[in-house]
Amino acid sequence: MKKSKQYAVTPAEVLIIDDDRSLLFTAKSVIEGEGHHVRTASNGRDGLSMVEKKRPDIIILDLMMPELDGYEVCRRLKNVPASENIPVLFLSSHGRPEEKVKAFEVGGVDYLVKPYSTLELLIRLRTHLVFQHIQKTLNIQIEKRTEELCIDALTMAARLIDKTPTELKQYINKK
């Protein structure tokens, strides 16, 4: 797959949760071929347990599984602070609009219909990893700038404390 020089994706921790072992194997092989580390779970309970043990960067989640379906797994992930921001890409053999809408409503970021193109899976995976990287970078910049503004405000307040009431009025009127 062609890689953008501007947004190089570092190897990611990917968790695939799907009860279809052949699809698990295929997706795992293709994604590992791109340099990512992949863990797999064949049901929702095992997948949730794996997330608790080691947080993945992204989750690829089958919609229709026994016991816990993908909707419920995603709901549970989004209700836990440690996993609420993990992007969830849904896979399903159903492509009806109401199912897609529900997947987005419970917190999914994307939806692929089976059978899917492995190239499309890789491109969507890469896109969400780039979005995640950009979001993390922006959050770090926001935190840094907020800290700088707080320091500036405290410095300004300290300077104002040394002023007489008349000097303060004059200072405020200038602004």
C-alpha atoms as a PDB file:
ATOM      1  CA  MET A   1       0.000   0.000   0.000  1.00  0.00           C
ATOM      2  CA  LYS A   2       1.287   3.467  -0.870  1.00  0.00           C
ATOM      3  CA  LYS A   3       2.227   5.448   2.228  1.00  0.00           C
ATOM      4  CA  SER A   4       1.952   9.187   2.648  1.00  0.00           C
ATOM      5  CA  LYS A   5       5.235  10.815   3.627  1.00  0.00           C
ATOM      6  CA  GLN A   6       3.408  13.477   5.612  1.00  0.00           C
ATOM      7  CA  TYR A   7       1.485  11.039   7.798  1.00  0.00           C
ATOM      8  CA  ALA A   8       3.627   7.977   8.324  1.00  0.00           C
ATOM      9  CA  VAL A   9       1.797   5.522  10.542  1.00  0.00           C
ATOM     10  CA  THR A  10       3.842   3.916  13.285  1.00  0.00           C
ATOM     11  CA  PRO A  11       3.150   0.273  14.082  1.00  0.00           C
ATOM     12  CA  ALA A  12      -0.110   0.023  16.003  1.00  0.00           C
ATOM     13  CA  GLU A  13      -1.705  -2.419  18.429  1.00  0.00           C
ATOM     14  CA  VAL A  14      -4.775  -3.770  16.623  1.00  0.00           C
ATOM     15  CA  LEU A  15      -7.428  -5.959  18.226  1.00  0.00           C
ATOM     16  CA  ILE A  16      -9.737  -7.922  15.923  1.00  0.00           C
ATOM     17  CA  ILE A  17     -12.885  -9.403  17.477  1.00  0.00           C
ATOM     18  CA  ASP A  18     -14.722 -11.786  15.146  1.00  0.00           C
ATOM     19  CA  ASP A  19     -16.249 -15.229  15.549  1.00  0.00           C
ATOM     20  CA  ASP A  20     -15.333 -16.228  11.970  1.00  0.00           C
ATOM     21  CA  ARG A  21     -11.882 -17.830  12.319  1.00  0.00           C
ATOM     22  CA  SER A  22     -11.069 -17.661   8.600  1.00  0.00           C
ATOM     23  CA  LEU A  23     -11.771 -13.918   8.490  1.00  0.00           C
ATOM     24  CA  LEU A  24      -9.771 -13.466  11.700  1.00  0.00           C
ATOM     25  CA  PHE A  25      -6.798 -15.235  10.140  1.00  0.00           C
ATOM     26  CA  THR A  26      -7.021 -13.314   6.854  1.00  0.00           C
ATOM     27  CA  ALA A  27      -7.391  -9.887   8.487  1.00  0.00           C
ATOM     28  CA  LYS A  28      -4.625 -10.652  10.984  1.00  0.00           C
ATOM     29  CA  SER A  29      -2.211 -11.717   8.230  1.00  0.00           C
ATOM     30  CA  VAL A  30      -2.928  -8.691   6.057  1.00  0.00           C
ATOM     31  CA  ILE A  31      -2.642  -6.191   8.921  1.00  0.00           C
ATOM     32  CA  GLU A  32       0.533  -7.782  10.290  1.00  0.00           C
ATOM     33  CA  GLY A  33       1.929  -7.535   6.769  1.00  0.00           C
ATOM     34  CA  GLU A  34       1.720  -3.754   7.196  1.00  0.00           C
ATOM     35  CA  GLY A  35       3.877  -3.924  10.328  1.00  0.00           C
ATOM     36  CA  HIS A  36       1.158  -3.744  12.979  1.00  0.00           C
ATOM     37  CA  HIS A  37       0.874  -6.021  16.005  1.00  0.00           C
ATOM     38  CA  VAL A  38      -2.443  -7.892  15.961  1.00  0.00           C
ATOM     39  CA  ARG A  39      -4.280  -9.702  18.735  1.00  0.00           C
ATOM     40  CA  THR A  40      -7.494 -11.602  18.098  1.00  0.00           C
ATOM     41  CA  ALA A  41     -10.561 -12.666  20.046  1.00  0.00           C
ATOM     42  CA  SER A  42     -13.314 -14.961  18.797  1.00  0.00           C
ATOM     43  CA  ASN A  43     -16.064 -13.434  20.946  1.00  0.00           C
ATOM     44  CA  GLY A  44     -17.037 -10.190  22.639  1.00  0.00           C
ATOM     45  CA  ARG A  45     -16.295 -11.264  26.207  1.00  0.00           C
ATOM     46  CA  ASP A  46     -12.745 -12.316  25.349  1.00  0.00           C
ATOM     47  CA  GLY A  47     -12.280  -9.108  23.383  1.00  0.00           C
ATOM     48  CA  LEU A  48     -13.358  -6.939  26.323  1.00  0.00           C
ATOM     49  CA  SER A  49     -11.026  -8.887  28.599  1.00  0.00           C
ATOM     50  CA  MET A  50      -8.122  -8.329  26.196  1.00  0.00           C
ATOM     51  CA  VAL A  51      -8.825  -4.576  26.137  1.00  0.00           C
ATOM     52  CA  GLU A  52      -8.685  -4.486  29.954  1.00  0.00           C
ATOM     53  CA  LYS A  53      -5.308  -6.252  29.958  1.00  0.00           C
ATOM     54  CA  LYS A  54      -3.684  -4.204  27.197  1.00  0.00           C
ATOM     55  CA  ARG A  55      -5.289  -1.220  25.494  1.00  0.00           C
ATOM     56  CA  PRO A  56      -5.184  -1.485  21.682  1.00  0.00           C
ATOM     57  CA  ASP A  57      -4.825   1.539  19.407  1.00  0.00           C
ATOM     58  CA  ILE A  58      -7.812   0.449  17.308  1.00  0.00           C
ATOM     59  CA  ILE A  59     -10.426  -2.311  17.345  1.00  0.00           C
ATOM     60  CA  ILE A  60     -11.920  -4.104  14.361  1.00  0.00           C
ATOM     61  CA  LEU A  61     -15.212  -5.544  15.591  1.00  0.00           C
ATOM     62  CA  ASP A  62     -17.640  -7.999  14.014  1.00  0.00           C
ATOM     63  CA  LEU A  63     -21.253  -6.965  14.442  1.00  0.00           C
ATOM     64  CA  MET A  64     -22.972 -10.357  14.634  1.00  0.00           C
ATOM     65  CA  MET A  65     -21.498 -12.656  17.284  1.00  0.00           C
ATOM     66  CA  PRO A  66     -23.001 -15.041  19.842  1.00  0.00           C
ATOM     67  CA  GLU A  67     -23.532 -13.880  23.450  1.00  0.00           C
ATOM     68  CA  LEU A  68     -22.400 -10.257  23.062  1.00  0.00           C
ATOM     69  CA  ASP A  69     -22.957  -8.684  19.670  1.00  0.00           C
ATOM     70  CA  GLY A  70     -20.707  -5.919  18.363  1.00  0.00           C
ATOM     71  CA  TYR A  71     -23.135  -3.181  19.389  1.00  0.00           C
ATOM     72  CA  GLU A  72     -23.007  -4.281  23.029  1.00  0.00           C
ATOM     73  CA  VAL A  73     -19.226  -4.715  22.990  1.00  0.00           C
ATOM     74  CA  CYS A  74     -18.838  -1.195  21.604  1.00  0.00           C
ATOM     75  CA  ARG A  75     -21.296   0.246  24.160  1.00  0.00           C
ATOM     76  CA  ARG A  76     -19.300  -1.312  26.975  1.00  0.00           C
ATOM     77  CA  LEU A  77     -16.014  -0.017  25.555  1.00  0.00           C
ATOM     78  CA  LYS A  78     -17.396   3.511  25.279  1.00  0.00           C
ATOM     79  CA  ASN A  79     -18.666   3.441  28.889  1.00  0.00           C
ATOM     80  CA  VAL A  80     -15.186   2.884  30.348  1.00  0.00           C
ATOM     81  CA  PRO A  81     -12.824   5.893  30.478  1.00  0.00           C
ATOM     82  CA  ALA A  82      -9.767   3.745  29.650  1.00  0.00           C
ATOM     83  CA  SER A  83     -11.316   2.541  26.382  1.00  0.00           C
ATOM     84  CA  GLU A  84     -13.805   5.243  25.414  1.00  0.00           C
ATOM     85  CA  ASN A  85     -11.459   6.850  22.868  1.00  0.00           C
ATOM     86  CA  ILE A  86     -10.349   3.679  21.088  1.00  0.00           C
ATOM     87  CA  PRO A  87     -11.602   3.831  17.491  1.00  0.00           C
ATOM     88  CA  VAL A  88     -13.916   0.923  16.632  1.00  0.00           C
ATOM     89  CA  LEU A  89     -14.244  -0.158  13.015  1.00  0.00           C
ATOM     90  CA  PHE A  90     -17.273  -2.426  12.534  1.00  0.00           C
ATOM     91  CA  LEU A  91     -17.402  -5.409  10.175  1.00  0.00           C
ATOM     92  CA  SER A  92     -20.698  -6.983   9.154  1.00  0.00           C
ATOM     93  CA  SER A  93     -22.247  -9.111   6.480  1.00  0.00           C
ATOM     94  CA  HIS A  94     -25.261  -6.773   6.739  1.00  0.00           C
ATOM     95  CA  GLY A  95     -25.162  -3.487   4.913  1.00  0.00           C
ATOM     96  CA  ARG A  96     -28.591  -2.103   5.751  1.00  0.00           C
ATOM     97  CA  PRO A  97     -28.543   1.624   6.549  1.00  0.00           C
ATOM     98  CA  GLU A  98     -30.240   1.202   9.959  1.00  0.00           C
ATOM     99  CA  GLU A  99     -27.505  -1.217  11.072  1.00  0.00           C
ATOM    100  CA  LYS A 100     -24.791   1.170   9.948  1.00  0.00           C
ATOM    101  CA  VAL A 101     -26.475   4.081  11.719  1.00  0.00           C
ATOM    102  CA  LYS A 102     -26.781   2.061  14.940  1.00  0.00           C
ATOM    103  CA  ALA A 103     -23.072   1.139  14.727  1.00  0.00           C
ATOM    104  CA  PHE A 104     -22.172   4.831  14.564  1.00  0.00           C
ATOM    105  CA  GLU A 105     -24.635   5.693  17.345  1.00  0.00           C
ATOM    106  CA  VAL A 106     -22.988   3.240  19.770  1.00  0.00           C
ATOM    107  CA  GLY A 107     -19.567   4.751  19.044  1.00  0.00           C
ATOM    108  CA  GLY A 108     -18.173   3.156  15.894  1.00  0.00           C
ATOM    109  CA  VAL A 109     -15.997   5.277  13.615  1.00  0.00           C
ATOM    110  CA  ASP A 110     -16.374   3.171  10.462  1.00  0.00           C
ATOM    111  CA  TYR A 111     -18.309   0.270   8.968  1.00  0.00           C
ATOM    112  CA  LEU A 112     -17.169  -2.285   6.406  1.00  0.00           C
ATOM    113  CA  VAL A 113     -19.501  -4.793   4.764  1.00  0.00           C
ATOM    114  CA  LYS A 114     -18.297  -8.407   4.402  1.00  0.00           C
ATOM    115  CA  PRO A 115     -16.918  -9.618   2.144  1.00  0.00           C
ATOM    116  CA  TYR A 116     -14.618  -6.621   2.067  1.00  0.00           C
ATOM    117  CA  SER A 117     -11.521  -5.797   0.081  1.00  0.00           C
ATOM    118  CA  THR A 118      -8.356  -6.239   2.139  1.00  0.00           C
ATOM    119  CA  LEU A 119      -7.003  -3.094   0.489  1.00  0.00           C
ATOM    120  CA  GLU A 120     -10.069  -1.170   1.646  1.00  0.00           C
ATOM    121  CA  LEU A 121      -9.624  -2.546   5.169  1.00  0.00           C
ATOM    122  CA  LEU A 122      -5.988  -1.415   5.220  1.00  0.00           C
ATOM    123  CA  ILE A 123      -6.812   2.035   3.874  1.00  0.00           C
ATOM    124  CA  ARG A 124      -9.590   2.559   6.421  1.00  0.00           C
ATOM    125  CA  LEU A 125      -7.374   1.255   9.220  1.00  0.00           C
ATOM    126  CA  ARG A 126      -4.588   3.594   8.168  1.00  0.00           C
ATOM    127  CA  THR A 127      -6.990   6.550   7.915  1.00  0.00           C
ATOM    128  CA  HIS A 128      -8.229   6.071  11.480  1.00  0.00           C
ATOM    129  CA  LEU A 129      -4.703   5.596  12.800  1.00  0.00           C
ATOM    130  CA  VAL A 130      -3.693   8.877  11.121  1.00  0.00           C
ATOM    131  CA  PHE A 131      -6.757  10.619  12.604  1.00  0.00           C
ATOM    132  CA  GLN A 132      -5.832   9.237  16.018  1.00  0.00           C
ATOM    133  CA  HIS A 133      -2.234  10.456  15.664  1.00  0.00           C
ATOM    134  CA  ILE A 134      -3.410  13.931  14.633  1.00  0.00           C
ATOM    135  CA  GLN A 135      -5.853  14.061  17.557  1.00  0.00           C
ATOM    136  CA  LYS A 136      -3.158  13.053  20.056  1.00  0.00           C
ATOM    137  CA  THR A 137      -0.757  15.632  18.610  1.00  0.00           C
ATOM    138  CA  LEU A 138      -3.397  18.383  18.832  1.00  0.00           C
ATOM    139  CA  ASN A 139      -4.265  17.439  22.413  1.00  0.00           C
ATOM    140  CA  ILE A 140      -0.589  17.694  23.400  1.00  0.00           C
ATOM    141  CA  GLN A 141      -0.337  21.102  21.704  1.00  0.00           C
ATOM    142  CA  ILE A 142      -3.514  22.303  23.438  1.00  0.00           C
ATOM    143  CA  GLU A 143      -2.212  21.182  26.841  1.00  0.00           C
ATOM    144  CA  LYS A 144       1.121  22.900  26.216  1.00  0.00           C
ATOM    145  CA  ARG A 145      -0.510  26.146  25.054  1.00  0.00           C
ATOM    146  CA  THR A 146      -2.949  26.110  27.978  1.00  0.00           C
ATOM    147  CA  GLU A 147      -0.036  25.758  30.383  1.00  0.00           C
ATOM    148  CA  GLU A 148       1.768  28.658  28.672  1.00  0.00           C
ATOM    149  CA  LEU A 149      -1.353  30.850  28.917  1.00  0.00           C
ATOM    150  CA  CYS A 150      -1.773  30.012  32.602  1.00  0.00           C
ATOM    151  CA  ILE A 151       1.853  30.978  33.273  1.00  0.00           C
ATOM    152  CA  ASP A 152       1.345  34.240  31.332  1.00  0.00           C
ATOM    153  CA  ALA A 153      -1.836  35.002  33.311  1.00  0.00           C
ATOM    154  CA  LEU A 154      -0.122  34.309  36.638  1.00  0.00           C
ATOM    155  CA  THR A 155       2.842  36.450  35.628  1.00  0.00           C
ATOM    156  CA  MET A 156       0.514  39.298  34.640  1.00  0.00           C
ATOM    157  CA  ALA A 157      -1.457  38.951  37.888  1.00  0.00           C
ATOM    158  CA  ALA A 158       1.753  39.071  39.899  1.00  0.00           C
ATOM    159  CA  ARG A 159       2.756  42.283  38.123  1.00  0.00           C
ATOM    160  CA  LEU A 160      -0.672  43.817  38.734  1.00  0.00           C
ATOM    161  CA  ILE A 161      -0.508  43.061  42.436  1.00  0.00           C
ATOM    162  CA  ASP A 162       2.417  45.474  42.699  1.00  0.00           C
ATOM    163  CA  LYS A 163       0.374  48.364  41.243  1.00  0.00           C
ATOM    164  CA  THR A 164      -1.548  51.008  43.177  1.00  0.00           C
ATOM    165  CA  PRO A 165      -5.345  51.238  42.679  1.00  0.00           C
ATOM    166  CA  THR A 166      -4.885  54.257  40.403  1.00  0.00           C
ATOM    167  CA  GLU A 167      -2.304  52.417  38.290  1.00  0.00           C
ATOM    168  CA  LEU A 168      -4.659  49.421  38.040  1.00  0.00           C
ATOM    169  CA  LYS A 169      -7.508  51.613  36.764  1.00  0.00           C
ATOM    170  CA  GLN A 170      -5.215  53.168  34.187  1.00  0.00           C
ATOM    171  CA  TYR A 171      -3.975  49.696  33.124  1.00  0.00           C
ATOM    172  CA  ILE A 172      -7.518  48.321  32.774  1.00  0.00           C
ATOM    173  CA  ASN A 173      -8.691  51.397  30.803  1.00  0.00           C
ATOM    174  CA  LYS A 174      -5.871  50.830  28.286  1.00  0.00           C
ATOM    175  CA  LYS A 175      -7.225  47.350  27.529  1.00  0.00           C
END
